[in-house]
Amino acid sequence: MPQDLFPTVEDIYVASVDTDRGTKEVLRLYDTEGLQMGTTGEIPMLKPYYPIADAFVLMYRIDNRASFDVIEVVRKDIEKNREKREVIT
């Protein structure tokens, strides 16, 4: 495994995408950089995104079990706190 890999930096990406229906959709991608679980087992940084997001893309390092454990906590928190509408995870 290369040792010169660095986590992403928090950023927002905006893209306009043509759909099959002939319309354009605007995608806002919020890259939150590497997440760390707090002492209470929560990741409070993500809570503001729950009501506005239509989907979440959760990524983890396949060679790091702790990375997967953090994502599992995030996934469960999204499921627990999402509004009654459908959210894709």
PDB file of N, CA and C in Angstrom:
ATOM      1  N   MET A   1       0.841  -1.184   0.000  1.00  0.00           N
ATOM      2  CA  MET A   1       0.000   0.000   0.000  1.00  0.00           C
ATOM      3  C   MET A   1       0.880   1.238   0.000  1.00  0.00           C
ATOM      4  N   PRO A   2       0.689   2.155  -0.950  1.00  0.00           N
ATOM      5  CA  PRO A   2       1.505   3.371  -0.984  1.00  0.00           C
ATOM      6  C   PRO A   2       1.272   4.227   0.254  1.00  0.00           C
ATOM      7  N   GLN A   3       2.344   4.754   0.814  1.00  0.00           N
ATOM      8  CA  GLN A   3       2.244   5.568   2.017  1.00  0.00           C
ATOM      9  C   GLN A   3       2.009   7.042   1.713  1.00  0.00           C
ATOM     10  N   ASP A   4       2.040   7.444   0.455  1.00  0.00           N
ATOM     11  CA  ASP A   4       1.892   8.854   0.101  1.00  0.00           C
ATOM     12  C   ASP A   4       0.461   9.219  -0.287  1.00  0.00           C
ATOM     13  N   LEU A   5      -0.514   8.462   0.182  1.00  0.00           N
ATOM     14  CA  LEU A   5      -1.916   8.774  -0.087  1.00  0.00           C
ATOM     15  C   LEU A   5      -2.446   9.697   0.997  1.00  0.00           C
ATOM     16  N   PHE A   6      -3.232  10.694   0.613  1.00  0.00           N
ATOM     17  CA  PHE A   6      -3.775  11.660   1.549  1.00  0.00           C
ATOM     18  C   PHE A   6      -5.297  11.665   1.438  1.00  0.00           C
ATOM     19  N   PRO A   7      -5.999  11.938   2.534  1.00  0.00           N
ATOM     20  CA  PRO A   7      -7.463  12.003   2.463  1.00  0.00           C
ATOM     21  C   PRO A   7      -7.906  13.177   1.601  1.00  0.00           C
ATOM     22  N   THR A   8      -9.102  13.075   1.091  1.00  0.00           N
ATOM     23  CA  THR A   8      -9.646  14.179   0.305  1.00  0.00           C
ATOM     24  C   THR A   8      -9.875  15.384   1.206  1.00  0.00           C
ATOM     25  N   VAL A   9      -9.989  16.527   0.597  1.00  0.00           N
ATOM     26  CA  VAL A   9     -10.256  17.761   1.328  1.00  0.00           C
ATOM     27  C   VAL A   9     -11.733  18.068   1.161  1.00  0.00           C
ATOM     28  N   GLU A  10     -12.367  18.542   2.200  1.00  0.00           N
ATOM     29  CA  GLU A  10     -13.795  18.848   2.121  1.00  0.00           C
ATOM     30  C   GLU A  10     -14.044  19.847   1.004  1.00  0.00           C
ATOM     31  N   ASP A  11     -15.024  19.537   0.160  1.00  0.00           N
ATOM     32  CA  ASP A  11     -15.317  20.396  -0.972  1.00  0.00           C
ATOM     33  C   ASP A  11     -16.729  20.115  -1.458  1.00  0.00           C
ATOM     34  N   ILE A  12     -17.235  20.982  -2.316  1.00  0.00           N
ATOM     35  CA  ILE A  12     -18.550  20.818  -2.926  1.00  0.00           C
ATOM     36  C   ILE A  12     -18.364  20.871  -4.439  1.00  0.00           C
ATOM     37  N   TYR A  13     -18.936  19.899  -5.121  1.00  0.00           N
ATOM     38  CA  TYR A  13     -18.870  19.839  -6.573  1.00  0.00           C
ATOM     39  C   TYR A  13     -20.284  19.969  -7.121  1.00  0.00           C
ATOM     40  N   VAL A  14     -20.445  20.727  -8.191  1.00  0.00           N
ATOM     41  CA  VAL A  14     -21.757  20.910  -8.817  1.00  0.00           C
ATOM     42  C   VAL A  14     -21.652  20.475 -10.272  1.00  0.00           C
ATOM     43  N   ALA A  15     -22.613  19.664 -10.701  1.00  0.00           N
ATOM     44  CA  ALA A  15     -22.627  19.179 -12.084  1.00  0.00           C
ATOM     45  C   ALA A  15     -24.043  19.253 -12.631  1.00  0.00           C
ATOM     46  N   SER A  16     -24.161  19.575 -13.903  1.00  0.00           N
ATOM     47  CA  SER A  16     -25.438  19.555 -14.600  1.00  0.00           C
ATOM     48  C   SER A  16     -25.460  18.313 -15.484  1.00  0.00           C
ATOM     49  N   VAL A  17     -26.486  17.483 -15.317  1.00  0.00           N
ATOM     50  CA  VAL A  17     -26.546  16.195 -15.992  1.00  0.00           C
ATOM     51  C   VAL A  17     -27.809  16.108 -16.832  1.00  0.00           C
ATOM     52  N   ASP A  18     -27.670  15.691 -18.096  1.00  0.00           N
ATOM     53  CA  ASP A  18     -28.831  15.441 -18.955  1.00  0.00           C
ATOM     54  C   ASP A  18     -29.433  14.094 -18.581  1.00  0.00           C
ATOM     55  N   THR A  19     -30.758  14.032 -18.461  1.00  0.00           N
ATOM     56  CA  THR A  19     -31.434  12.791 -18.099  1.00  0.00           C
ATOM     57  C   THR A  19     -32.046  12.132 -19.325  1.00  0.00           C
ATOM     58  N   ASP A  20     -32.531  10.914 -19.145  1.00  0.00           N
ATOM     59  CA  ASP A  20     -33.210  10.180 -20.216  1.00  0.00           C
ATOM     60  C   ASP A  20     -34.506  10.861 -20.624  1.00  0.00           C
ATOM     61  N   ARG A  21     -35.088  11.653 -19.728  1.00  0.00           N
ATOM     62  CA  ARG A  21     -36.364  12.321 -19.999  1.00  0.00           C
ATOM     63  C   ARG A  21     -36.189  13.625 -20.763  1.00  0.00           C
ATOM     64  N   GLY A  22     -34.943  13.972 -21.100  1.00  0.00           N
ATOM     65  CA  GLY A  22     -34.691  15.198 -21.839  1.00  0.00           C
ATOM     66  C   GLY A  22     -34.596  16.437 -20.958  1.00  0.00           C
ATOM     67  N   THR A  23     -34.459  16.249 -19.669  1.00  0.00           N
ATOM     68  CA  THR A  23     -34.314  17.384 -18.752  1.00  0.00           C
ATOM     69  C   THR A  23     -32.896  17.401 -18.188  1.00  0.00           C
ATOM     70  N   LYS A  24     -32.566  18.500 -17.545  1.00  0.00           N
ATOM     71  CA  LYS A  24     -31.278  18.593 -16.871  1.00  0.00           C
ATOM     72  C   LYS A  24     -31.502  18.576 -15.369  1.00  0.00           C
ATOM     73  N   GLU A  25     -30.662  17.846 -14.683  1.00  0.00           N
ATOM     74  CA  GLU A  25     -30.686  17.807 -13.219  1.00  0.00           C
ATOM     75  C   GLU A  25     -29.375  18.386 -12.718  1.00  0.00           C
ATOM     76  N   VAL A  26     -29.445  19.100 -11.619  1.00  0.00           N
ATOM     77  CA  VAL A  26     -28.244  19.637 -11.002  1.00  0.00           C
ATOM     78  C   VAL A  26     -27.877  18.739  -9.829  1.00  0.00           C
ATOM     79  N   LEU A  27     -26.645  18.250  -9.836  1.00  0.00           N
ATOM     80  CA  LEU A  27     -26.148  17.418  -8.744  1.00  0.00           C
ATOM     81  C   LEU A  27     -25.184  18.243  -7.906  1.00  0.00           C
ATOM     82  N   ARG A  28     -25.371  18.204  -6.611  1.00  0.00           N
ATOM     83  CA  ARG A  28     -24.424  18.828  -5.679  1.00  0.00           C
ATOM     84  C   ARG A  28     -23.796  17.711  -4.866  1.00  0.00           C
ATOM     85  N   LEU A  29     -22.505  17.546  -5.019  1.00  0.00           N
ATOM     86  CA  LEU A  29     -21.785  16.494  -4.326  1.00  0.00           C
ATOM     87  C   LEU A  29     -20.973  17.120  -3.200  1.00  0.00           C
ATOM     88  N   TYR A  30     -21.258  16.713  -1.980  1.00  0.00           N
ATOM     89  CA  TYR A  30     -20.563  17.229  -0.806  1.00  0.00           C
ATOM     90  C   TYR A  30     -19.532  16.189  -0.367  1.00  0.00           C
ATOM     91  N   ASP A  31     -18.277  16.496  -0.594  1.00  0.00           N
ATOM     92  CA  ASP A  31     -17.188  15.617  -0.180  1.00  0.00           C
ATOM     93  C   ASP A  31     -16.797  16.047   1.231  1.00  0.00           C
ATOM     94  N   THR A  32     -17.000  15.172   2.202  1.00  0.00           N
ATOM     95  CA  THR A  32     -16.812  15.548   3.602  1.00  0.00           C
ATOM     96  C   THR A  32     -15.462  15.152   4.173  1.00  0.00           C
ATOM     97  N   GLU A  33     -14.542  14.733   3.359  1.00  0.00           N
ATOM     98  CA  GLU A  33     -13.215  14.232   3.752  1.00  0.00           C
ATOM     99  C   GLU A  33     -13.354  13.079   4.714  1.00  0.00           C
ATOM    100  N   GLY A  34     -12.253  12.560   5.198  1.00  0.00           N
ATOM    101  CA  GLY A  34     -12.292  11.421   6.104  1.00  0.00           C
ATOM    102  C   GLY A  34     -13.020  11.755   7.392  1.00  0.00           C
ATOM    103  N   LEU A  35     -13.868  10.858   7.852  1.00  0.00           N
ATOM    104  CA  LEU A  35     -14.656  11.088   9.066  1.00  0.00           C
ATOM    105  C   LEU A  35     -14.082  10.298  10.226  1.00  0.00           C
ATOM    106  N   GLN A  36     -14.183  10.878  11.401  1.00  0.00           N
ATOM    107  CA  GLN A  36     -13.769  10.206  12.622  1.00  0.00           C
ATOM    108  C   GLN A  36     -14.970  10.124  13.553  1.00  0.00           C
ATOM    109  N   MET A  37     -15.112   9.009  14.217  1.00  0.00           N
ATOM    110  CA  MET A  37     -16.191   8.853  15.172  1.00  0.00           C
ATOM    111  C   MET A  37     -15.830   9.612  16.449  1.00  0.00           C
ATOM    112  N   GLY A  38     -16.791  10.347  16.990  1.00  0.00           N
ATOM    113  CA  GLY A  38     -16.572  11.071  18.228  1.00  0.00           C
ATOM    114  C   GLY A  38     -16.595  10.149  19.430  1.00  0.00           C
ATOM    115  N   THR A  39     -16.346  10.694  20.578  1.00  0.00           N
ATOM    116  CA  THR A  39     -16.318   9.890  21.800  1.00  0.00           C
ATOM    117  C   THR A  39     -17.698   9.344  22.157  1.00  0.00           C
ATOM    118  N   THR A  40     -18.749   9.978  21.651  1.00  0.00           N
ATOM    119  CA  THR A  40     -20.110   9.500  21.922  1.00  0.00           C
ATOM    120  C   THR A  40     -20.580   8.490  20.883  1.00  0.00           C
ATOM    121  N   GLY A  41     -19.727   8.169  19.892  1.00  0.00           N
ATOM    122  CA  GLY A  41     -20.110   7.230  18.851  1.00  0.00           C
ATOM    123  C   GLY A  41     -20.894   7.867  17.729  1.00  0.00           C
ATOM    124  N   GLU A  42     -21.010   9.194  17.718  1.00  0.00           N
ATOM    125  CA  GLU A  42     -21.733   9.909  16.671  1.00  0.00           C
ATOM    126  C   GLU A  42     -20.765  10.606  15.737  1.00  0.00           C
ATOM    127  N   ILE A  43     -21.266  10.959  14.572  1.00  0.00           N
ATOM    128  CA  ILE A  43     -20.523  11.765  13.614  1.00  0.00           C
ATOM    129  C   ILE A  43     -21.395  12.981  13.321  1.00  0.00           C
ATOM    130  N   PRO A  44     -21.358  13.989  14.202  1.00  0.00           N
ATOM    131  CA  PRO A  44     -22.306  15.110  14.128  1.00  0.00           C
ATOM    132  C   PRO A  44     -22.161  15.951  12.872  1.00  0.00           C
ATOM    133  N   MET A  45     -21.022  15.917  12.213  1.00  0.00           N
ATOM    134  CA  MET A  45     -20.785  16.733  11.031  1.00  0.00           C
ATOM    135  C   MET A  45     -21.795  16.447   9.913  1.00  0.00           C
ATOM    136  N   LEU A  46     -22.333  15.243   9.853  1.00  0.00           N
ATOM    137  CA  LEU A  46     -23.234  14.872   8.761  1.00  0.00           C
ATOM    138  C   LEU A  46     -24.695  15.257   8.998  1.00  0.00           C
ATOM    139  N   LYS A  47     -25.083  15.493  10.215  1.00  0.00           N
ATOM    140  CA  LYS A  47     -26.502  15.747  10.522  1.00  0.00           C
ATOM    141  C   LYS A  47     -27.130  16.860   9.684  1.00  0.00           C
ATOM    142  N   PRO A  48     -26.443  17.973   9.382  1.00  0.00           N
ATOM    143  CA  PRO A  48     -27.079  19.011   8.561  1.00  0.00           C
ATOM    144  C   PRO A  48     -27.436  18.557   7.145  1.00  0.00           C
ATOM    145  N   TYR A  49     -26.794  17.496   6.659  1.00  0.00           N
ATOM    146  CA  TYR A  49     -27.068  17.015   5.300  1.00  0.00           C
ATOM    147  C   TYR A  49     -28.295  16.106   5.230  1.00  0.00           C
ATOM    148  N   TYR A  50     -28.716  15.518   6.327  1.00  0.00           N
ATOM    149  CA  TYR A  50     -29.816  14.554   6.306  1.00  0.00           C
ATOM    150  C   TYR A  50     -31.094  15.106   5.670  1.00  0.00           C
ATOM    151  N   PRO A  51     -31.570  16.297   6.058  1.00  0.00           N
ATOM    152  CA  PRO A  51     -32.845  16.762   5.491  1.00  0.00           C
ATOM    153  C   PRO A  51     -32.760  17.217   4.033  1.00  0.00           C
ATOM    154  N   ILE A  52     -31.576  17.563   3.534  1.00  0.00           N
ATOM    155  CA  ILE A  52     -31.484  18.121   2.182  1.00  0.00           C
ATOM    156  C   ILE A  52     -31.009  17.129   1.138  1.00  0.00           C
ATOM    157  N   ALA A  53     -30.453  16.018   1.568  1.00  0.00           N
ATOM    158  CA  ALA A  53     -29.876  15.068   0.613  1.00  0.00           C
ATOM    159  C   ALA A  53     -30.928  14.119   0.052  1.00  0.00           C
ATOM    160  N   ASP A  54     -30.810  13.813  -1.234  1.00  0.00           N
ATOM    161  CA  ASP A  54     -31.652  12.800  -1.866  1.00  0.00           C
ATOM    162  C   ASP A  54     -30.963  11.446  -1.887  1.00  0.00           C
ATOM    163  N   ALA A  55     -29.639  11.452  -1.741  1.00  0.00           N
ATOM    164  CA  ALA A  55     -28.865  10.213  -1.767  1.00  0.00           C
ATOM    165  C   ALA A  55     -27.547  10.436  -1.034  1.00  0.00           C
ATOM    166  N   PHE A  56     -26.960   9.340  -0.590  1.00  0.00           N
ATOM    167  CA  PHE A  56     -25.649   9.369   0.036  1.00  0.00           C
ATOM    168  C   PHE A  56     -24.776   8.324  -0.639  1.00  0.00           C
ATOM    169  N   VAL A  57     -23.536   8.661  -0.898  1.00  0.00           N
ATOM    170  CA  VAL A  57     -22.548   7.704  -1.389  1.00  0.00           C
ATOM    171  C   VAL A  57     -21.524   7.571  -0.271  1.00  0.00           C
ATOM    172  N   LEU A  58     -21.480   6.398   0.322  1.00  0.00           N
ATOM    173  CA  LEU A  58     -20.592   6.160   1.452  1.00  0.00           C
ATOM    174  C   LEU A  58     -19.413   5.329   0.988  1.00  0.00           C
ATOM    175  N   MET A  59     -18.220   5.792   1.292  1.00  0.00           N
ATOM    176  CA  MET A  59     -17.007   5.105   0.841  1.00  0.00           C
ATOM    177  C   MET A  59     -16.104   4.836   2.035  1.00  0.00           C
ATOM    178  N   TYR A  60     -15.400   3.725   1.958  1.00  0.00           N
ATOM    179  CA  TYR A  60     -14.465   3.363   3.018  1.00  0.00           C
ATOM    180  C   TYR A  60     -13.268   2.651   2.400  1.00  0.00           C
ATOM    181  N   ARG A  61     -12.194   2.538   3.188  1.00  0.00           N
ATOM    182  CA  ARG A  61     -10.997   1.826   2.732  1.00  0.00           C
ATOM    183  C   ARG A  61     -11.201   0.340   2.955  1.00  0.00           C
ATOM    184  N   ILE A  62     -10.996  -0.442   1.926  1.00  0.00           N
ATOM    185  CA  ILE A  62     -11.226  -1.882   2.052  1.00  0.00           C
ATOM    186  C   ILE A  62     -10.141  -2.573   2.878  1.00  0.00           C
ATOM    187  N   ASP A  63      -9.032  -1.891   3.103  1.00  0.00           N
ATOM    188  CA  ASP A  63      -7.957  -2.485   3.894  1.00  0.00           C
ATOM    189  C   ASP A  63      -7.915  -1.948   5.323  1.00  0.00           C
ATOM    190  N   ASN A  64      -9.028  -1.308   5.758  1.00  0.00           N
ATOM    191  CA  ASN A  64      -9.051  -0.696   7.077  1.00  0.00           C
ATOM    192  C   ASN A  64     -10.413  -0.939   7.716  1.00  0.00           C
ATOM    193  N   ARG A  65     -10.480  -1.863   8.654  1.00  0.00           N
ATOM    194  CA  ARG A  65     -11.749  -2.236   9.296  1.00  0.00           C
ATOM    195  C   ARG A  65     -12.378  -1.047  10.035  1.00  0.00           C
ATOM    196  N   ALA A  66     -11.559  -0.202  10.653  1.00  0.00           N
ATOM    197  CA  ALA A  66     -12.084   0.961  11.372  1.00  0.00           C
ATOM    198  C   ALA A  66     -12.820   1.896  10.415  1.00  0.00           C
ATOM    199  N   SER A  67     -12.325   2.017   9.200  1.00  0.00           N
ATOM    200  CA  SER A  67     -12.971   2.850   8.180  1.00  0.00           C
ATOM    201  C   SER A  67     -14.369   2.306   7.878  1.00  0.00           C
ATOM    202  N   PHE A  68     -14.492   1.002   7.740  1.00  0.00           N
ATOM    203  CA  PHE A  68     -15.792   0.374   7.507  1.00  0.00           C
ATOM    204  C   PHE A  68     -16.715   0.584   8.705  1.00  0.00           C
ATOM    205  N   ASP A  69     -16.182   0.451   9.914  1.00  0.00           N
ATOM    206  CA  ASP A  69     -16.995   0.614  11.120  1.00  0.00           C
ATOM    207  C   ASP A  69     -17.598   2.018  11.205  1.00  0.00           C
ATOM    208  N   VAL A  70     -16.817   3.039  10.827  1.00  0.00           N
ATOM    209  CA  VAL A  70     -17.325   4.414  10.820  1.00  0.00           C
ATOM    210  C   VAL A  70     -18.466   4.538   9.825  1.00  0.00           C
ATOM    211  N   ILE A  71     -18.305   3.989   8.630  1.00  0.00           N
ATOM    212  CA  ILE A  71     -19.351   4.070   7.599  1.00  0.00           C
ATOM    213  C   ILE A  71     -20.608   3.336   8.043  1.00  0.00           C
ATOM    214  N   GLU A  72     -20.457   2.236   8.741  1.00  0.00           N
ATOM    215  CA  GLU A  72     -21.632   1.503   9.232  1.00  0.00           C
ATOM    216  C   GLU A  72     -22.407   2.353  10.235  1.00  0.00           C
ATOM    217  N   VAL A  73     -21.717   3.081  11.094  1.00  0.00           N
ATOM    218  CA  VAL A  73     -22.377   3.989  12.034  1.00  0.00           C
ATOM    219  C   VAL A  73     -23.104   5.090  11.273  1.00  0.00           C
ATOM    220  N   VAL A  74     -22.449   5.638  10.248  1.00  0.00           N
ATOM    221  CA  VAL A  74     -23.062   6.691   9.430  1.00  0.00           C
ATOM    222  C   VAL A  74     -24.321   6.164   8.750  1.00  0.00           C
ATOM    223  N   ARG A  75     -24.242   4.975   8.154  1.00  0.00           N
ATOM    224  CA  ARG A  75     -25.395   4.395   7.458  1.00  0.00           C
ATOM    225  C   ARG A  75     -26.578   4.214   8.411  1.00  0.00           C
ATOM    226  N   LYS A  76     -26.314   3.691   9.588  1.00  0.00           N
ATOM    227  CA  LYS A  76     -27.389   3.492  10.566  1.00  0.00           C
ATOM    228  C   LYS A  76     -27.965   4.822  11.033  1.00  0.00           C
ATOM    229  N   ASP A  77     -27.104   5.827  11.189  1.00  0.00           N
ATOM    230  CA  ASP A  77     -27.568   7.144  11.610  1.00  0.00           C
ATOM    231  C   ASP A  77     -28.438   7.787  10.530  1.00  0.00           C
ATOM    232  N   ILE A  78     -28.066   7.618   9.277  1.00  0.00           N
ATOM    233  CA  ILE A  78     -28.874   8.137   8.164  1.00  0.00           C
ATOM    234  C   ILE A  78     -30.246   7.476   8.184  1.00  0.00           C
ATOM    235  N   GLU A  79     -30.272   6.161   8.310  1.00  0.00           N
ATOM    236  CA  GLU A  79     -31.545   5.432   8.344  1.00  0.00           C
ATOM    237  C   GLU A  79     -32.426   5.901   9.505  1.00  0.00           C
ATOM    238  N   LYS A  80     -31.826   6.123  10.652  1.00  0.00           N
ATOM    239  CA  LYS A  80     -32.574   6.507  11.843  1.00  0.00           C
ATOM    240  C   LYS A  80     -33.102   7.942  11.750  1.00  0.00           C
ATOM    241  N   ASN A  81     -32.344   8.846  11.142  1.00  0.00           N
ATOM    242  CA  ASN A  81     -32.667  10.266  11.175  1.00  0.00           C
ATOM    243  C   ASN A  81     -33.269  10.836   9.896  1.00  0.00           C
ATOM    244  N   ARG A  82     -33.364  10.031   8.871  1.00  0.00           N
ATOM    245  CA  ARG A  82     -33.917  10.585   7.640  1.00  0.00           C
ATOM    246  C   ARG A  82     -35.395  10.892   7.811  1.00  0.00           C
ATOM    247  N   GLU A  83     -35.866  11.772   6.978  1.00  0.00           N
ATOM    248  CA  GLU A  83     -37.295  12.085   7.005  1.00  0.00           C
ATOM    249  C   GLU A  83     -38.064  10.920   6.411  1.00  0.00           C
ATOM    250  N   LYS A  84     -39.347  11.026   6.332  1.00  0.00           N
ATOM    251  CA  LYS A  84     -40.183   9.928   5.850  1.00  0.00           C
ATOM    252  C   LYS A  84     -40.048   9.675   4.359  1.00  0.00           C
ATOM    253  N   ARG A  85     -39.338  10.538   3.650  1.00  0.00           N
ATOM    254  CA  ARG A  85     -39.162  10.319   2.203  1.00  0.00           C
ATOM    255  C   ARG A  85     -38.061   9.301   1.948  1.00  0.00           C
ATOM    256  N   GLU A  86     -38.018   8.791   0.733  1.00  0.00           N
ATOM    257  CA  GLU A  86     -37.024   7.811   0.348  1.00  0.00           C
ATOM    258  C   GLU A  86     -35.657   8.463   0.194  1.00  0.00           C
ATOM    259  N   VAL A  87     -34.636   7.857   0.753  1.00  0.00           N
ATOM    260  CA  VAL A  87     -33.254   8.283   0.594  1.00  0.00           C
ATOM    261  C   VAL A  87     -32.461   7.090   0.129  1.00  0.00           C
ATOM    262  N   ILE A  88     -31.648   7.270  -0.881  1.00  0.00           N
ATOM    263  CA  ILE A  88     -30.835   6.188  -1.422  1.00  0.00           C
ATOM    264  C   ILE A  88     -29.483   6.192  -0.722  1.00  0.00           C
ATOM    265  N   THR A  89     -29.078   5.046  -0.163  1.00  0.00           N
ATOM    266  CA  THR A  89     -27.757   4.946   0.464  1.00  0.00           C
ATOM    267  C   THR A  89     -26.974   3.844  -0.203  1.00  0.00           C
TER     268      THR A  89
END
